[in-house]
Amino acid sequence: MKNKLIAFIVSMGIFGAKAQGSTTNDTMASLMRSNGKIYVVVAVVLTILLGLIAYLIRLDRKISKLEKES
């Protein structure tokens, strides 16, 4: 599970770096930064990602427990 989690985090970092290099939405990004709304977007995205990671870890533990019982 740890290897999958590490691979997921690394791949998200790579995709994030690629997305930051994009220049097509610079006007929207600068507008959101100037209004302070970019922080809300980042907070929501991080909350969703952390929730998904926590859910996957919990699910993995439950499945491992069921596998040991059977």
N, C-alpha and C. Protein backbone atom coordinates (compact mmCIF):
# COMPACT_ATOMS: atom_id res chain seq x y z
N MET A 1 0.83 -1.20 0.00
CA MET A 1 0.00 0.00 0.00
C MET A 1 0.87 1.25 0.00
N LYS A 2 1.98 1.19 0.74
CA LYS A 2 2.85 2.36 0.81
C LYS A 2 3.45 2.69 -0.55
N ASN A 3 3.79 1.66 -1.31
CA ASN A 3 4.36 1.89 -2.64
C ASN A 3 3.35 2.56 -3.56
N LYS A 4 2.09 2.13 -3.46
CA LYS A 4 1.05 2.73 -4.29
C LYS A 4 0.82 4.18 -3.89
N LEU A 5 0.84 4.44 -2.59
CA LEU A 5 0.63 5.81 -2.11
C LEU A 5 1.77 6.72 -2.55
N ILE A 6 2.98 6.24 -2.46
CA ILE A 6 4.13 7.03 -2.89
C ILE A 6 4.07 7.29 -4.39
N ALA A 7 3.70 6.27 -5.17
CA ALA A 7 3.59 6.44 -6.62
C ALA A 7 2.50 7.46 -6.95
N PHE A 8 1.38 7.40 -6.22
CA PHE A 8 0.29 8.35 -6.43
C PHE A 8 0.74 9.77 -6.15
N ILE A 9 1.42 9.98 -5.04
CA ILE A 9 1.87 11.31 -4.66
C ILE A 9 2.87 11.85 -5.68
N VAL A 10 3.79 11.02 -6.13
CA VAL A 10 4.78 11.45 -7.12
C VAL A 10 4.10 11.80 -8.44
N SER A 11 3.15 10.97 -8.86
CA SER A 11 2.48 11.26 -10.13
C SER A 11 1.65 12.54 -10.03
N MET A 12 1.02 12.79 -8.90
CA MET A 12 0.27 14.03 -8.73
C MET A 12 1.22 15.24 -8.76
N GLY A 13 2.40 15.07 -8.21
CA GLY A 13 3.38 16.15 -8.27
C GLY A 13 3.82 16.45 -9.69
N ILE A 14 4.01 15.41 -10.47
CA ILE A 14 4.41 15.59 -11.87
C ILE A 14 3.29 16.26 -12.66
N PHE A 15 2.05 15.78 -12.48
CA PHE A 15 0.93 16.38 -13.19
C PHE A 15 0.71 17.82 -12.75
N GLY A 16 0.93 18.10 -11.48
CA GLY A 16 0.78 19.47 -10.98
C GLY A 16 1.82 20.39 -11.59
N ALA A 17 3.04 19.90 -11.72
CA ALA A 17 4.10 20.71 -12.33
C ALA A 17 3.79 20.98 -13.80
N LYS A 18 3.24 19.99 -14.49
CA LYS A 18 2.87 20.18 -15.90
C LYS A 18 1.74 21.20 -16.01
N ALA A 19 0.77 21.13 -15.11
CA ALA A 19 -0.37 22.05 -15.16
C ALA A 19 0.07 23.48 -14.87
N GLN A 20 1.05 23.66 -14.00
CA GLN A 20 1.52 25.00 -13.69
C GLN A 20 2.27 25.62 -14.85
N GLY A 21 2.82 24.80 -15.72
CA GLY A 21 3.54 25.32 -16.87
C GLY A 21 2.63 25.81 -17.97
N SER A 22 1.36 25.53 -17.88
CA SER A 22 0.41 25.94 -18.91
C SER A 22 0.19 27.44 -18.88
N THR A 23 0.15 28.07 -20.05
CA THR A 23 -0.03 29.52 -20.11
C THR A 23 -1.38 29.91 -20.70
N THR A 24 -2.24 28.94 -20.98
CA THR A 24 -3.51 29.26 -21.63
C THR A 24 -4.49 29.93 -20.69
N ASN A 25 -4.44 29.63 -19.42
CA ASN A 25 -5.39 30.17 -18.47
C ASN A 25 -4.74 31.17 -17.51
N ASP A 26 -3.72 31.89 -17.97
CA ASP A 26 -3.03 32.84 -17.10
C ASP A 26 -3.94 33.97 -16.65
N THR A 27 -4.85 34.41 -17.52
CA THR A 27 -5.72 35.52 -17.12
C THR A 27 -6.69 35.09 -16.03
N MET A 28 -7.23 33.87 -16.14
CA MET A 28 -8.14 33.40 -15.10
C MET A 28 -7.39 33.17 -13.79
N ALA A 29 -6.20 32.63 -13.89
CA ALA A 29 -5.41 32.38 -12.69
C ALA A 29 -5.03 33.68 -11.99
N SER A 30 -4.64 34.68 -12.77
CA SER A 30 -4.28 35.96 -12.15
C SER A 30 -5.49 36.66 -11.57
N LEU A 31 -6.64 36.52 -12.22
CA LEU A 31 -7.87 37.09 -11.68
C LEU A 31 -8.25 36.43 -10.36
N MET A 32 -8.14 35.09 -10.30
CA MET A 32 -8.48 34.38 -9.07
C MET A 32 -7.49 34.70 -7.96
N ARG A 33 -6.21 34.87 -8.32
CA ARG A 33 -5.21 35.25 -7.31
C ARG A 33 -5.49 36.64 -6.77
N SER A 34 -5.86 37.56 -7.65
CA SER A 34 -6.11 38.93 -7.20
C SER A 34 -7.34 39.02 -6.31
N ASN A 35 -8.33 38.17 -6.55
CA ASN A 35 -9.53 38.16 -5.72
C ASN A 35 -9.37 37.31 -4.47
N GLY A 36 -8.30 36.53 -4.38
CA GLY A 36 -8.07 35.67 -3.23
C GLY A 36 -8.86 34.37 -3.29
N LYS A 37 -9.50 34.09 -4.41
CA LYS A 37 -10.31 32.88 -4.53
C LYS A 37 -9.47 31.64 -4.84
N ILE A 38 -8.25 31.84 -5.29
CA ILE A 38 -7.40 30.70 -5.62
C ILE A 38 -7.13 29.87 -4.38
N TYR A 39 -7.07 30.51 -3.23
CA TYR A 39 -6.82 29.79 -1.99
C TYR A 39 -8.01 28.91 -1.62
N VAL A 40 -9.19 29.35 -1.94
CA VAL A 40 -10.39 28.54 -1.70
C VAL A 40 -10.36 27.31 -2.61
N VAL A 41 -9.99 27.50 -3.86
CA VAL A 41 -9.92 26.39 -4.81
C VAL A 41 -8.87 25.38 -4.35
N VAL A 42 -7.72 25.86 -3.95
CA VAL A 42 -6.65 24.97 -3.48
C VAL A 42 -7.10 24.22 -2.23
N ALA A 43 -7.77 24.89 -1.31
CA ALA A 43 -8.24 24.25 -0.09
C ALA A 43 -9.26 23.16 -0.40
N VAL A 44 -10.16 23.42 -1.32
CA VAL A 44 -11.17 22.42 -1.67
C VAL A 44 -10.52 21.21 -2.34
N VAL A 45 -9.60 21.46 -3.26
CA VAL A 45 -8.93 20.35 -3.95
C VAL A 45 -8.13 19.52 -2.96
N LEU A 46 -7.40 20.17 -2.06
CA LEU A 46 -6.63 19.43 -1.06
C LEU A 46 -7.53 18.63 -0.13
N THR A 47 -8.65 19.20 0.25
CA THR A 47 -9.59 18.49 1.12
C THR A 47 -10.13 17.24 0.43
N ILE A 48 -10.47 17.37 -0.84
CA ILE A 48 -10.97 16.21 -1.58
C ILE A 48 -9.90 15.14 -1.72
N LEU A 49 -8.69 15.55 -2.07
CA LEU A 49 -7.60 14.58 -2.22
C LEU A 49 -7.27 13.89 -0.90
N LEU A 50 -7.20 14.64 0.18
CA LEU A 50 -6.91 14.04 1.48
C LEU A 50 -8.03 13.10 1.91
N GLY A 51 -9.27 13.46 1.61
CA GLY A 51 -10.38 12.57 1.91
C GLY A 51 -10.31 11.27 1.13
N LEU A 52 -9.96 11.36 -0.15
CA LEU A 52 -9.83 10.15 -0.96
C LEU A 52 -8.69 9.27 -0.47
N ILE A 53 -7.58 9.87 -0.12
CA ILE A 53 -6.44 9.10 0.38
C ILE A 53 -6.80 8.42 1.70
N ALA A 54 -7.46 9.15 2.60
CA ALA A 54 -7.87 8.56 3.88
C ALA A 54 -8.85 7.42 3.65
N TYR A 55 -9.78 7.59 2.72
CA TYR A 55 -10.74 6.53 2.41
C TYR A 55 -10.03 5.29 1.87
N LEU A 56 -9.08 5.49 0.98
CA LEU A 56 -8.36 4.35 0.41
C LEU A 56 -7.54 3.62 1.47
N ILE A 57 -6.92 4.35 2.37
CA ILE A 57 -6.15 3.72 3.44
C ILE A 57 -7.08 2.91 4.35
N ARG A 58 -8.22 3.50 4.71
CA ARG A 58 -9.18 2.80 5.56
C ARG A 58 -9.72 1.55 4.88
N LEU A 59 -10.02 1.67 3.59
CA LEU A 59 -10.52 0.53 2.83
C LEU A 59 -9.47 -0.57 2.74
N ASP A 60 -8.22 -0.20 2.54
CA ASP A 60 -7.14 -1.18 2.47
C ASP A 60 -7.00 -1.92 3.79
N ARG A 61 -7.11 -1.22 4.90
CA ARG A 61 -7.01 -1.87 6.21
C ARG A 61 -8.17 -2.84 6.43
N LYS A 62 -9.37 -2.44 6.03
CA LYS A 62 -10.52 -3.33 6.20
C LYS A 62 -10.37 -4.58 5.33
N ILE A 63 -9.91 -4.42 4.12
CA ILE A 63 -9.74 -5.57 3.22
C ILE A 63 -8.65 -6.49 3.76
N SER A 64 -7.56 -5.91 4.26
CA SER A 64 -6.48 -6.72 4.83
C SER A 64 -6.99 -7.51 6.04
N LYS A 65 -7.81 -6.89 6.86
CA LYS A 65 -8.38 -7.56 8.03
C LYS A 65 -9.28 -8.71 7.60
N LEU A 66 -10.11 -8.47 6.58
CA LEU A 66 -10.98 -9.54 6.09
C LEU A 66 -10.17 -10.69 5.48
N GLU A 67 -9.08 -10.38 4.79
CA GLU A 67 -8.24 -11.41 4.20
C GLU A 67 -7.59 -12.26 5.29
N LYS A 68 -7.18 -11.64 6.39
CA LYS A 68 -6.56 -12.39 7.48
C LYS A 68 -7.57 -13.30 8.18
N GLU A 69 -8.82 -12.85 8.27
CA GLU A 69 -9.85 -13.64 8.94
C GLU A 69 -10.24 -14.87 8.12
N SER A 70 -10.19 -14.78 6.82
CA SER A 70 -10.62 -15.90 5.99
C SER A 70 -9.49 -16.82 5.59
